[in-house]
Amino acid sequence: MPNVKIYIDQACYDAVRPAVSDLLPDLRAMLCDLLEVAPDACQFAVLPVLGLPDQPRINAELHLMPRPSRTRDRLEQVAAGTRDSLSRASGLTVAVRIAQLDAATYVALK
């Protein structure tokens, strides 16, 4: 997995939705490469949200299971690539947060 949620300020959502939608396949390919997962392991959601005007207009949150290869440096590469891709596609400021989940307590049913 990664589980990716992309929150876009609703004031900008309609304007950037097509570009962000077009970006999703390439973003997934980048994440699959850097995180060493198959495409079907990824889950994406893009949501409009009500935010404050002094916050980044896009906030991307990635949740993933830890692996030895997912070092801090690797996750910083993932965050930077995600931020840069979303920023280029949208023209907006972007924040990215990555959290590694606890495999002992995480439950997923599909």
PDB file of N, CA and C in Angstrom:
ATOM      1  N   MET A   1       0.846  -1.179   0.000  1.00  0.00           N
ATOM      2  CA  MET A   1       0.000   0.000   0.000  1.00  0.00           C
ATOM      3  C   MET A   1       0.873   1.216   0.000  1.00  0.00           C
ATOM      4  N   PRO A   2       0.517   2.263  -0.648  1.00  0.00           N
ATOM      5  CA  PRO A   2       0.189   3.440   0.136  1.00  0.00           C
ATOM      6  C   PRO A   2      -1.288   3.820  -0.028  1.00  0.00           C
ATOM      7  N   ASN A   3      -1.789   4.437   1.010  1.00  0.00           N
ATOM      8  CA  ASN A   3      -3.115   5.030   1.007  1.00  0.00           C
ATOM      9  C   ASN A   3      -2.895   6.530   0.887  1.00  0.00           C
ATOM     10  N   VAL A   4      -3.343   7.126  -0.208  1.00  0.00           N
ATOM     11  CA  VAL A   4      -3.051   8.530  -0.508  1.00  0.00           C
ATOM     12  C   VAL A   4      -4.343   9.327  -0.509  1.00  0.00           C
ATOM     13  N   LYS A   5      -4.372  10.362   0.308  1.00  0.00           N
ATOM     14  CA  LYS A   5      -5.492  11.297   0.309  1.00  0.00           C
ATOM     15  C   LYS A   5      -4.955  12.658  -0.080  1.00  0.00           C
ATOM     16  N   ILE A   6      -5.579  13.255  -1.081  1.00  0.00           N
ATOM     17  CA  ILE A   6      -5.183  14.577  -1.553  1.00  0.00           C
ATOM     18  C   ILE A   6      -6.346  15.515  -1.274  1.00  0.00           C
ATOM     19  N   TYR A   7      -6.124  16.433  -0.341  1.00  0.00           N
ATOM     20  CA  TYR A   7      -7.142  17.397   0.055  1.00  0.00           C
ATOM     21  C   TYR A   7      -6.866  18.711  -0.667  1.00  0.00           C
ATOM     22  N   ILE A   8      -7.861  19.209  -1.389  1.00  0.00           N
ATOM     23  CA  ILE A   8      -7.710  20.443  -2.155  1.00  0.00           C
ATOM     24  C   ILE A   8      -8.708  21.465  -1.625  1.00  0.00           C
ATOM     25  N   ASP A   9      -8.220  22.672  -1.340  1.00  0.00           N
ATOM     26  CA  ASP A   9      -9.095  23.745  -0.875  1.00  0.00           C
ATOM     27  C   ASP A   9     -10.248  23.898  -1.861  1.00  0.00           C
ATOM     28  N   GLN A  10     -11.461  23.886  -1.338  1.00  0.00           N
ATOM     29  CA  GLN A  10     -12.633  23.917  -2.223  1.00  0.00           C
ATOM     30  C   GLN A  10     -12.698  25.172  -3.086  1.00  0.00           C
ATOM     31  N   ALA A  11     -12.064  26.263  -2.654  1.00  0.00           N
ATOM     32  CA  ALA A  11     -12.050  27.484  -3.463  1.00  0.00           C
ATOM     33  C   ALA A  11     -11.267  27.285  -4.765  1.00  0.00           C
ATOM     34  N   CYS A  12     -10.356  26.311  -4.781  1.00  0.00           N
ATOM     35  CA  CYS A  12      -9.516  26.039  -5.959  1.00  0.00           C
ATOM     36  C   CYS A  12      -9.885  24.738  -6.656  1.00  0.00           C
ATOM     37  N   TYR A  13     -10.713  23.935  -6.023  1.00  0.00           N
ATOM     38  CA  TYR A  13     -10.939  22.560  -6.452  1.00  0.00           C
ATOM     39  C   TYR A  13     -11.371  22.441  -7.915  1.00  0.00           C
ATOM     40  N   ASP A  14     -12.408  23.161  -8.293  1.00  0.00           N
ATOM     41  CA  ASP A  14     -12.922  23.024  -9.664  1.00  0.00           C
ATOM     42  C   ASP A  14     -11.876  23.395 -10.712  1.00  0.00           C
ATOM     43  N   ALA A  15     -11.058  24.395 -10.404  1.00  0.00           N
ATOM     44  CA  ALA A  15     -10.052  24.853 -11.370  1.00  0.00           C
ATOM     45  C   ALA A  15      -8.927  23.841 -11.569  1.00  0.00           C
ATOM     46  N   VAL A  16      -8.545  23.125 -10.510  1.00  0.00           N
ATOM     47  CA  VAL A  16      -7.381  22.232 -10.603  1.00  0.00           C
ATOM     48  C   VAL A  16      -7.757  20.756 -10.710  1.00  0.00           C
ATOM     49  N   ARG A  17      -9.026  20.436 -10.524  1.00  0.00           N
ATOM     50  CA  ARG A  17      -9.445  19.036 -10.546  1.00  0.00           C
ATOM     51  C   ARG A  17      -9.009  18.307 -11.814  1.00  0.00           C
ATOM     52  N   PRO A  18      -9.218  18.859 -13.014  1.00  0.00           N
ATOM     53  CA  PRO A  18      -8.795  18.126 -14.218  1.00  0.00           C
ATOM     54  C   PRO A  18      -7.291  17.840 -14.251  1.00  0.00           C
ATOM     55  N   ALA A  19      -6.473  18.814 -13.877  1.00  0.00           N
ATOM     56  CA  ALA A  19      -5.017  18.614 -13.909  1.00  0.00           C
ATOM     57  C   ALA A  19      -4.581  17.584 -12.874  1.00  0.00           C
ATOM     58  N   VAL A  20      -5.181  17.634 -11.689  1.00  0.00           N
ATOM     59  CA  VAL A  20      -4.831  16.659 -10.651  1.00  0.00           C
ATOM     60  C   VAL A  20      -5.300  15.267 -11.073  1.00  0.00           C
ATOM     61  N   SER A  21      -6.478  15.183 -11.646  1.00  0.00           N
ATOM     62  CA  SER A  21      -6.979  13.898 -12.135  1.00  0.00           C
ATOM     63  C   SER A  21      -6.044  13.313 -13.193  1.00  0.00           C
ATOM     64  N   ASP A  22      -5.595  14.140 -14.113  1.00  0.00           N
ATOM     65  CA  ASP A  22      -4.669  13.681 -15.154  1.00  0.00           C
ATOM     66  C   ASP A  22      -3.330  13.227 -14.581  1.00  0.00           C
ATOM     67  N   LEU A  23      -2.935  13.801 -13.449  1.00  0.00           N
ATOM     68  CA  LEU A  23      -1.651  13.481 -12.821  1.00  0.00           C
ATOM     69  C   LEU A  23      -1.667  12.128 -12.104  1.00  0.00           C
ATOM     70  N   LEU A  24      -2.821  11.670 -11.669  1.00  0.00           N
ATOM     71  CA  LEU A  24      -2.883  10.496 -10.788  1.00  0.00           C
ATOM     72  C   LEU A  24      -2.160   9.261 -11.324  1.00  0.00           C
ATOM     73  N   PRO A  25      -2.287   8.879 -12.587  1.00  0.00           N
ATOM     74  CA  PRO A  25      -1.542   7.696 -13.048  1.00  0.00           C
ATOM     75  C   PRO A  25      -0.024   7.849 -12.916  1.00  0.00           C
ATOM     76  N   ASP A  26       0.501   9.026 -13.253  1.00  0.00           N
ATOM     77  CA  ASP A  26       1.948   9.247 -13.122  1.00  0.00           C
ATOM     78  C   ASP A  26       2.371   9.297 -11.659  1.00  0.00           C
ATOM     79  N   LEU A  27       1.529   9.885 -10.817  1.00  0.00           N
ATOM     80  CA  LEU A  27       1.832   9.937  -9.389  1.00  0.00           C
ATOM     81  C   LEU A  27       1.861   8.525  -8.814  1.00  0.00           C
ATOM     82  N   ARG A  28       0.903   7.706  -9.211  1.00  0.00           N
ATOM     83  CA  ARG A  28       0.894   6.316  -8.746  1.00  0.00           C
ATOM     84  C   ARG A  28       2.135   5.571  -9.228  1.00  0.00           C
ATOM     85  N   ALA A  29       2.532   5.771 -10.470  1.00  0.00           N
ATOM     86  CA  ALA A  29       3.728   5.107 -10.997  1.00  0.00           C
ATOM     87  C   ALA A  29       4.969   5.506 -10.205  1.00  0.00           C
ATOM     88  N   MET A  30       5.087   6.797  -9.875  1.00  0.00           N
ATOM     89  CA  MET A  30       6.228   7.255  -9.086  1.00  0.00           C
ATOM     90  C   MET A  30       6.230   6.598  -7.703  1.00  0.00           C
ATOM     91  N   LEU A  31       5.059   6.574  -7.058  1.00  0.00           N
ATOM     92  CA  LEU A  31       4.975   5.970  -5.729  1.00  0.00           C
ATOM     93  C   LEU A  31       5.283   4.477  -5.786  1.00  0.00           C
ATOM     94  N   CYS A  32       4.776   3.790  -6.793  1.00  0.00           N
ATOM     95  CA  CYS A  32       5.054   2.355  -6.928  1.00  0.00           C
ATOM     96  C   CYS A  32       6.545   2.102  -7.084  1.00  0.00           C
ATOM     97  N   ASP A  33       7.206   2.933  -7.867  1.00  0.00           N
ATOM     98  CA  ASP A  33       8.644   2.784  -8.077  1.00  0.00           C
ATOM     99  C   ASP A  33       9.418   3.043  -6.787  1.00  0.00           C
ATOM    100  N   LEU A  34       9.159   4.159  -6.147  1.00  0.00           N
ATOM    101  CA  LEU A  34       9.936   4.529  -4.958  1.00  0.00           C
ATOM    102  C   LEU A  34       9.604   3.677  -3.736  1.00  0.00           C
ATOM    103  N   LEU A  35       8.361   3.207  -3.643  1.00  0.00           N
ATOM    104  CA  LEU A  35       7.948   2.426  -2.472  1.00  0.00           C
ATOM    105  C   LEU A  35       7.947   0.921  -2.732  1.00  0.00           C
ATOM    106  N   GLU A  36       8.281   0.529  -3.967  1.00  0.00           N
ATOM    107  CA  GLU A  36       8.392  -0.888  -4.326  1.00  0.00           C
ATOM    108  C   GLU A  36       7.089  -1.648  -4.082  1.00  0.00           C
ATOM    109  N   VAL A  37       6.013  -1.127  -4.690  1.00  0.00           N
ATOM    110  CA  VAL A  37       4.707  -1.780  -4.591  1.00  0.00           C
ATOM    111  C   VAL A  37       4.088  -1.874  -5.980  1.00  0.00           C
ATOM    112  N   ALA A  38       3.133  -2.772  -6.116  1.00  0.00           N
ATOM    113  CA  ALA A  38       2.379  -2.908  -7.361  1.00  0.00           C
ATOM    114  C   ALA A  38       1.268  -1.858  -7.402  1.00  0.00           C
ATOM    115  N   PRO A  39       0.844  -1.465  -8.599  1.00  0.00           N
ATOM    116  CA  PRO A  39      -0.209  -0.449  -8.706  1.00  0.00           C
ATOM    117  C   PRO A  39      -1.488  -0.792  -7.947  1.00  0.00           C
ATOM    118  N   ASP A  40      -1.855  -2.069  -7.915  1.00  0.00           N
ATOM    119  CA  ASP A  40      -3.100  -2.418  -7.228  1.00  0.00           C
ATOM    120  C   ASP A  40      -3.002  -2.305  -5.709  1.00  0.00           C
ATOM    121  N   ALA A  41      -1.812  -2.032  -5.199  1.00  0.00           N
ATOM    122  CA  ALA A  41      -1.647  -1.816  -3.761  1.00  0.00           C
ATOM    123  C   ALA A  41      -1.974  -0.382  -3.356  1.00  0.00           C
ATOM    124  N   CYS A  42      -2.085   0.510  -4.330  1.00  0.00           N
ATOM    125  CA  CYS A  42      -2.308   1.933  -4.053  1.00  0.00           C
ATOM    126  C   CYS A  42      -3.795   2.252  -3.980  1.00  0.00           C
ATOM    127  N   GLN A  43      -4.125   3.155  -3.085  1.00  0.00           N
ATOM    128  CA  GLN A  43      -5.494   3.660  -2.974  1.00  0.00           C
ATOM    129  C   GLN A  43      -5.425   5.179  -2.947  1.00  0.00           C
ATOM    130  N   PHE A  44      -6.127   5.838  -3.856  1.00  0.00           N
ATOM    131  CA  PHE A  44      -6.129   7.295  -3.950  1.00  0.00           C
ATOM    132  C   PHE A  44      -7.521   7.845  -3.677  1.00  0.00           C
ATOM    133  N   ALA A  45      -7.569   8.993  -3.023  1.00  0.00           N
ATOM    134  CA  ALA A  45      -8.800   9.765  -2.872  1.00  0.00           C
ATOM    135  C   ALA A  45      -8.431  11.231  -3.006  1.00  0.00           C
ATOM    136  N   VAL A  46      -9.204  11.958  -3.806  1.00  0.00           N
ATOM    137  CA  VAL A  46      -9.013  13.398  -3.978  1.00  0.00           C
ATOM    138  C   VAL A  46     -10.294  14.061  -3.495  1.00  0.00           C
ATOM    139  N   LEU A  47     -10.138  14.958  -2.505  1.00  0.00           N
ATOM    140  CA  LEU A  47     -11.304  15.518  -1.831  1.00  0.00           C
ATOM    141  C   LEU A  47     -11.234  17.032  -1.728  1.00  0.00           C
ATOM    142  N   PRO A  48     -12.361  17.733  -1.981  1.00  0.00           N
ATOM    143  CA  PRO A  48     -12.395  19.164  -1.699  1.00  0.00           C
ATOM    144  C   PRO A  48     -12.614  19.373  -0.197  1.00  0.00           C
ATOM    145  N   VAL A  49     -11.942  20.360   0.358  1.00  0.00           N
ATOM    146  CA  VAL A  49     -12.060  20.641   1.790  1.00  0.00           C
ATOM    147  C   VAL A  49     -12.165  22.142   2.027  1.00  0.00           C
ATOM    148  N   LEU A  50     -12.699  22.490   3.174  1.00  0.00           N
ATOM    149  CA  LEU A  50     -12.728  23.876   3.616  1.00  0.00           C
ATOM    150  C   LEU A  50     -11.460  24.119   4.414  1.00  0.00           C
ATOM    151  N   GLY A  51     -10.639  25.046   3.964  1.00  0.00           N
ATOM    152  CA  GLY A  51      -9.381  25.329   4.643  1.00  0.00           C
ATOM    153  C   GLY A  51      -9.242  26.806   4.954  1.00  0.00           C
ATOM    154  N   LEU A  52      -8.203  27.136   5.666  1.00  0.00           N
ATOM    155  CA  LEU A  52      -7.889  28.525   5.985  1.00  0.00           C
ATOM    156  C   LEU A  52      -7.022  29.113   4.881  1.00  0.00           C
ATOM    157  N   PRO A  53      -7.148  30.411   4.617  1.00  0.00           N
ATOM    158  CA  PRO A  53      -6.419  31.010   3.497  1.00  0.00           C
ATOM    159  C   PRO A  53      -4.900  31.042   3.669  1.00  0.00           C
ATOM    160  N   ASP A  54      -4.401  30.887   4.894  1.00  0.00           N
ATOM    161  CA  ASP A  54      -2.948  30.932   5.096  1.00  0.00           C
ATOM    162  C   ASP A  54      -2.308  29.540   5.082  1.00  0.00           C
ATOM    163  N   GLN A  55      -3.071  28.514   4.744  1.00  0.00           N
ATOM    164  CA  GLN A  55      -2.554  27.150   4.655  1.00  0.00           C
ATOM    165  C   GLN A  55      -2.237  26.813   3.204  1.00  0.00           C
ATOM    166  N   PRO A  56      -1.382  25.803   2.978  1.00  0.00           N
ATOM    167  CA  PRO A  56      -1.211  25.326   1.606  1.00  0.00           C
ATOM    168  C   PRO A  56      -2.569  24.917   1.029  1.00  0.00           C
ATOM    169  N   ARG A  57      -2.779  25.187  -0.239  1.00  0.00           N
ATOM    170  CA  ARG A  57      -4.074  24.911  -0.874  1.00  0.00           C
ATOM    171  C   ARG A  57      -4.292  23.427  -1.127  1.00  0.00           C
ATOM    172  N   ILE A  58      -3.202  22.668  -1.173  1.00  0.00           N
ATOM    173  CA  ILE A  58      -3.298  21.214  -1.311  1.00  0.00           C
ATOM    174  C   ILE A  58      -2.510  20.576  -0.179  1.00  0.00           C
ATOM    175  N   ASN A  59      -3.122  19.598   0.458  1.00  0.00           N
ATOM    176  CA  ASN A  59      -2.463  18.818   1.500  1.00  0.00           C
ATOM    177  C   ASN A  59      -2.578  17.345   1.100  1.00  0.00           C
ATOM    178  N   ALA A  60      -1.451  16.698   0.902  1.00  0.00           N
ATOM    179  CA  ALA A  60      -1.440  15.276   0.555  1.00  0.00           C
ATOM    180  C   ALA A  60      -0.956  14.491   1.764  1.00  0.00           C
ATOM    181  N   GLU A  61      -1.687  13.451   2.105  1.00  0.00           N
ATOM    182  CA  GLU A  61      -1.322  12.584   3.222  1.00  0.00           C
ATOM    183  C   GLU A  61      -1.165  11.162   2.707  1.00  0.00           C
ATOM    184  N   LEU A  62      -0.032  10.576   3.010  1.00  0.00           N
ATOM    185  CA  LEU A  62       0.249   9.198   2.622  1.00  0.00           C
ATOM    186  C   LEU A  62       0.397   8.365   3.883  1.00  0.00           C
ATOM    187  N   HIS A  63      -0.324   7.263   3.933  1.00  0.00           N
ATOM    188  CA  HIS A  63      -0.170   6.289   5.004  1.00  0.00           C
ATOM    189  C   HIS A  63       0.350   5.012   4.369  1.00  0.00           C
ATOM    190  N   LEU A  64       1.363   4.440   4.982  1.00  0.00           N
ATOM    191  CA  LEU A  64       1.948   3.231   4.419  1.00  0.00           C
ATOM    192  C   LEU A  64       2.522   2.354   5.516  1.00  0.00           C
ATOM    193  N   MET A  65       2.728   1.103   5.152  1.00  0.00           N
ATOM    194  CA  MET A  65       3.323   0.152   6.082  1.00  0.00           C
ATOM    195  C   MET A  65       4.839   0.311   6.033  1.00  0.00           C
ATOM    196  N   PRO A  66       5.499   0.168   7.172  1.00  0.00           N
ATOM    197  CA  PRO A  66       6.956   0.288   7.180  1.00  0.00           C
ATOM    198  C   PRO A  66       7.628  -0.894   6.484  1.00  0.00           C
ATOM    199  N   ARG A  67       8.773  -0.615   5.911  1.00  0.00           N
ATOM    200  CA  ARG A  67       9.663  -1.623   5.320  1.00  0.00           C
ATOM    201  C   ARG A  67      11.080  -1.134   5.548  1.00  0.00           C
ATOM    202  N   PRO A  68      12.042  -2.036   5.615  1.00  0.00           N
ATOM    203  CA  PRO A  68      13.432  -1.595   5.798  1.00  0.00           C
ATOM    204  C   PRO A  68      13.900  -0.630   4.714  1.00  0.00           C
ATOM    205  N   SER A  69      13.413  -0.797   3.486  1.00  0.00           N
ATOM    206  CA  SER A  69      13.851   0.081   2.394  1.00  0.00           C
ATOM    207  C   SER A  69      13.221   1.472   2.461  1.00  0.00           C
ATOM    208  N   ARG A  70      12.225   1.643   3.292  1.00  0.00           N
ATOM    209  CA  ARG A  70      11.537   2.938   3.406  1.00  0.00           C
ATOM    210  C   ARG A  70      12.191   3.778   4.497  1.00  0.00           C
ATOM    211  N   THR A  71      13.417   4.148   4.204  1.00  0.00           N
ATOM    212  CA  THR A  71      14.193   4.969   5.130  1.00  0.00           C
ATOM    213  C   THR A  71      13.650   6.391   5.136  1.00  0.00           C
ATOM    214  N   ARG A  72      14.111   7.184   6.083  1.00  0.00           N
ATOM    215  CA  ARG A  72      13.700   8.586   6.130  1.00  0.00           C
ATOM    216  C   ARG A  72      14.065   9.286   4.820  1.00  0.00           C
ATOM    217  N   ASP A  73      15.266   9.008   4.315  1.00  0.00           N
ATOM    218  CA  ASP A  73      15.693   9.624   3.062  1.00  0.00           C
ATOM    219  C   ASP A  73      14.757   9.242   1.917  1.00  0.00           C
ATOM    220  N   ARG A  74      14.391   7.971   1.832  1.00  0.00           N
ATOM    221  CA  ARG A  74      13.489   7.514   0.769  1.00  0.00           C
ATOM    222  C   ARG A  74      12.121   8.183   0.904  1.00  0.00           C
ATOM    223  N   LEU A  75      11.615   8.276   2.141  1.00  0.00           N
ATOM    224  CA  LEU A  75      10.306   8.900   2.336  1.00  0.00           C
ATOM    225  C   LEU A  75      10.349  10.396   2.041  1.00  0.00           C
ATOM    226  N   GLU A  76      11.478  11.037   2.304  1.00  0.00           N
ATOM    227  CA  GLU A  76      11.622  12.447   1.928  1.00  0.00           C
ATOM    228  C   GLU A  76      11.622  12.595   0.407  1.00  0.00           C
ATOM    229  N   GLN A  77      12.205  11.633  -0.310  1.00  0.00           N
ATOM    230  CA  GLN A  77      12.152  11.641  -1.777  1.00  0.00           C
ATOM    231  C   GLN A  77      10.708  11.491  -2.264  1.00  0.00           C
ATOM    232  N   VAL A  78       9.975  10.592  -1.629  1.00  0.00           N
ATOM    233  CA  VAL A  78       8.568  10.390  -1.977  1.00  0.00           C
ATOM    234  C   VAL A  78       7.781  11.678  -1.736  1.00  0.00           C
ATOM    235  N   ALA A  79       7.993  12.289  -0.576  1.00  0.00           N
ATOM    236  CA  ALA A  79       7.273  13.524  -0.239  1.00  0.00           C
ATOM    237  C   ALA A  79       7.613  14.640  -1.219  1.00  0.00           C
ATOM    238  N   ALA A  80       8.892  14.799  -1.530  1.00  0.00           N
ATOM    239  CA  ALA A  80       9.310  15.861  -2.453  1.00  0.00           C
ATOM    240  C   ALA A  80       8.746  15.620  -3.853  1.00  0.00           C
ATOM    241  N   GLY A  81       8.790  14.392  -4.323  1.00  0.00           N
ATOM    242  CA  GLY A  81       8.243  14.084  -5.641  1.00  0.00           C
ATOM    243  C   GLY A  81       6.746  14.320  -5.706  1.00  0.00           C
ATOM    244  N   THR A  82       6.050  13.939  -4.646  1.00  0.00           N
ATOM    245  CA  THR A  82       4.602  14.159  -4.575  1.00  0.00           C
ATOM    246  C   THR A  82       4.292  15.648  -4.558  1.00  0.00           C
ATOM    247  N   ARG A  83       4.996  16.382  -3.708  1.00  0.00           N
ATOM    248  CA  ARG A  83       4.784  17.836  -3.607  1.00  0.00           C
ATOM    249  C   ARG A  83       5.059  18.524  -4.938  1.00  0.00           C
ATOM    250  N   ASP A  84       6.189  18.205  -5.536  1.00  0.00           N
ATOM    251  CA  ASP A  84       6.572  18.869  -6.778  1.00  0.00           C
ATOM    252  C   ASP A  84       5.598  18.544  -7.913  1.00  0.00           C
ATOM    253  N   SER A  85       5.173  17.302  -8.001  1.00  0.00           N
ATOM    254  CA  SER A  85       4.233  16.906  -9.055  1.00  0.00           C
ATOM    255  C   SER A  85       2.891  17.612  -8.900  1.00  0.00           C
ATOM    256  N   LEU A  86       2.371  17.628  -7.682  1.00  0.00           N
ATOM    257  CA  LEU A  86       1.088  18.294  -7.444  1.00  0.00           C
ATOM    258  C   LEU A  86       1.192  19.801  -7.653  1.00  0.00           C
ATOM    259  N   SER A  87       2.304  20.377  -7.246  1.00  0.00           N
ATOM    260  CA  SER A  87       2.496  21.819  -7.417  1.00  0.00           C
ATOM    261  C   SER A  87       2.571  22.191  -8.896  1.00  0.00           C
ATOM    262  N   ARG A  88       3.330  21.413  -9.673  1.00  0.00           N
ATOM    263  CA  ARG A  88       3.432  21.669 -11.118  1.00  0.00           C
ATOM    264  C   ARG A  88       2.072  21.535 -11.803  1.00  0.00           C
ATOM    265  N   ALA A  89       1.330  20.516 -11.436  1.00  0.00           N
ATOM    266  CA  ALA A  89       0.041  20.265 -12.083  1.00  0.00           C
ATOM    267  C   ALA A  89      -1.002  21.319 -11.729  1.00  0.00           C
ATOM    268  N   SER A  90      -0.950  21.809 -10.498  1.00  0.00           N
ATOM    269  CA  SER A  90      -2.009  22.701 -10.011  1.00  0.00           C
ATOM    270  C   SER A  90      -1.624  24.172  -9.974  1.00  0.00           C
ATOM    271  N   GLY A  91      -0.329  24.451  -9.840  1.00  0.00           N
ATOM    272  CA  GLY A  91       0.111  25.826  -9.631  1.00  0.00           C
ATOM    273  C   GLY A  91      -0.135  26.314  -8.217  1.00  0.00           C
ATOM    274  N   LEU A  92      -0.468  25.405  -7.310  1.00  0.00           N
ATOM    275  CA  LEU A  92      -0.789  25.772  -5.927  1.00  0.00           C
ATOM    276  C   LEU A  92       0.324  25.350  -4.978  1.00  0.00           C
ATOM    277  N   THR A  93       0.284  25.910  -3.761  1.00  0.00           N
ATOM    278  CA  THR A  93       1.200  25.465  -2.719  1.00  0.00           C
ATOM    279  C   THR A  93       0.716  24.114  -2.199  1.00  0.00           C
ATOM    280  N   VAL A  94       1.675  23.247  -1.894  1.00  0.00           N
ATOM    281  CA  VAL A  94       1.358  21.868  -1.518  1.00  0.00           C
ATOM    282  C   VAL A  94       2.154  21.483  -0.280  1.00  0.00           C
ATOM    283  N   ALA A  95       1.484  20.845   0.669  1.00  0.00           N
ATOM    284  CA  ALA A  95       2.141  20.232   1.821  1.00  0.00           C
ATOM    285  C   ALA A  95       1.942  18.721   1.719  1.00  0.00           C
ATOM    286  N   VAL A  96       2.953  17.958   2.109  1.00  0.00           N
ATOM    287  CA  VAL A  96       2.869  16.496   2.071  1.00  0.00           C
ATOM    288  C   VAL A  96       3.274  15.956   3.432  1.00  0.00           C
ATOM    289  N   ARG A  97       2.485  15.028   3.922  1.00  0.00           N
ATOM    290  CA  ARG A  97       2.789  14.362   5.188  1.00  0.00           C
ATOM    291  C   ARG A  97       2.736  12.856   4.952  1.00  0.00           C
ATOM    292  N   ILE A  98       3.698  12.149   5.531  1.00  0.00           N
ATOM    293  CA  ILE A  98       3.751  10.694   5.397  1.00  0.00           C
ATOM    294  C   ILE A  98       3.796  10.090   6.794  1.00  0.00           C
ATOM    295  N   ALA A  99       2.925   9.122   7.029  1.00  0.00           N
ATOM    296  CA  ALA A  99       2.911   8.406   8.301  1.00  0.00           C
ATOM    297  C   ALA A  99       3.042   6.915   8.012  1.00  0.00           C
ATOM    298  N   GLN A 100       3.891   6.261   8.787  1.00  0.00           N
ATOM    299  CA  GLN A 100       4.013   4.809   8.690  1.00  0.00           C
ATOM    300  C   GLN A 100       3.123   4.191   9.760  1.00  0.00           C
ATOM    301  N   LEU A 101       2.351   3.212   9.356  1.00  0.00           N
ATOM    302  CA  LEU A 101       1.376   2.593  10.242  1.00  0.00           C
ATOM    303  C   LEU A 101       2.000   1.452  11.033  1.00  0.00           C
ATOM    304  N   ASP A 102       1.379   1.125  12.127  1.00  0.00           N
ATOM    305  CA  ASP A 102       1.826   0.025  12.973  1.00  0.00           C
ATOM    306  C   ASP A 102       1.197  -1.267  12.454  1.00  0.00           C
ATOM    307  N   ALA A 103       2.020  -2.139  11.910  1.00  0.00           N
ATOM    308  CA  ALA A 103       1.518  -3.380  11.319  1.00  0.00           C
ATOM    309  C   ALA A 103       0.779  -4.249  12.335  1.00  0.00           C
ATOM    310  N   ALA A 104       1.125  -4.128  13.610  1.00  0.00           N
ATOM    311  CA  ALA A 104       0.487  -4.950  14.632  1.00  0.00           C
ATOM    312  C   ALA A 104      -0.944  -4.504  14.927  1.00  0.00           C
ATOM    313  N   THR A 105      -1.261  -3.244  14.649  1.00  0.00           N
ATOM    314  CA  THR A 105      -2.597  -2.745  14.982  1.00  0.00           C
ATOM    315  C   THR A 105      -3.414  -2.325  13.767  1.00  0.00           C
ATOM    316  N   TYR A 106      -2.812  -2.305  12.586  1.00  0.00           N
ATOM    317  CA  TYR A 106      -3.516  -1.855  11.387  1.00  0.00           C
ATOM    318  C   TYR A 106      -4.401  -2.970  10.850  1.00  0.00           C
ATOM    319  N   VAL A 107      -5.632  -2.630  10.514  1.00  0.00           N
ATOM    320  CA  VAL A 107      -6.575  -3.583   9.942  1.00  0.00           C
ATOM    321  C   VAL A 107      -7.128  -2.990   8.655  1.00  0.00           C
ATOM    322  N   ALA A 108      -7.176  -3.780   7.595  1.00  0.00           N
ATOM    323  CA  ALA A 108      -7.771  -3.351   6.330  1.00  0.00           C
ATOM    324  C   ALA A 108      -8.607  -4.493   5.771  1.00  0.00           C
ATOM    325  N   LEU A 109      -9.825  -4.190   5.411  1.00  0.00           N
ATOM    326  CA  LEU A 109     -10.701  -5.151   4.754  1.00  0.00           C
ATOM    327  C   LEU A 109     -11.043  -4.596   3.389  1.00  0.00           C
ATOM    328  N   LYS A 110     -10.889  -5.410   2.363  1.00  0.00           N
ATOM    329  CA  LYS A 110     -11.207  -4.959   0.998  1.00  0.00           C
ATOM    330  C   LYS A 110     -12.284  -5.831   0.417  1.00  0.00           C
TER     331      LYS A 110
END
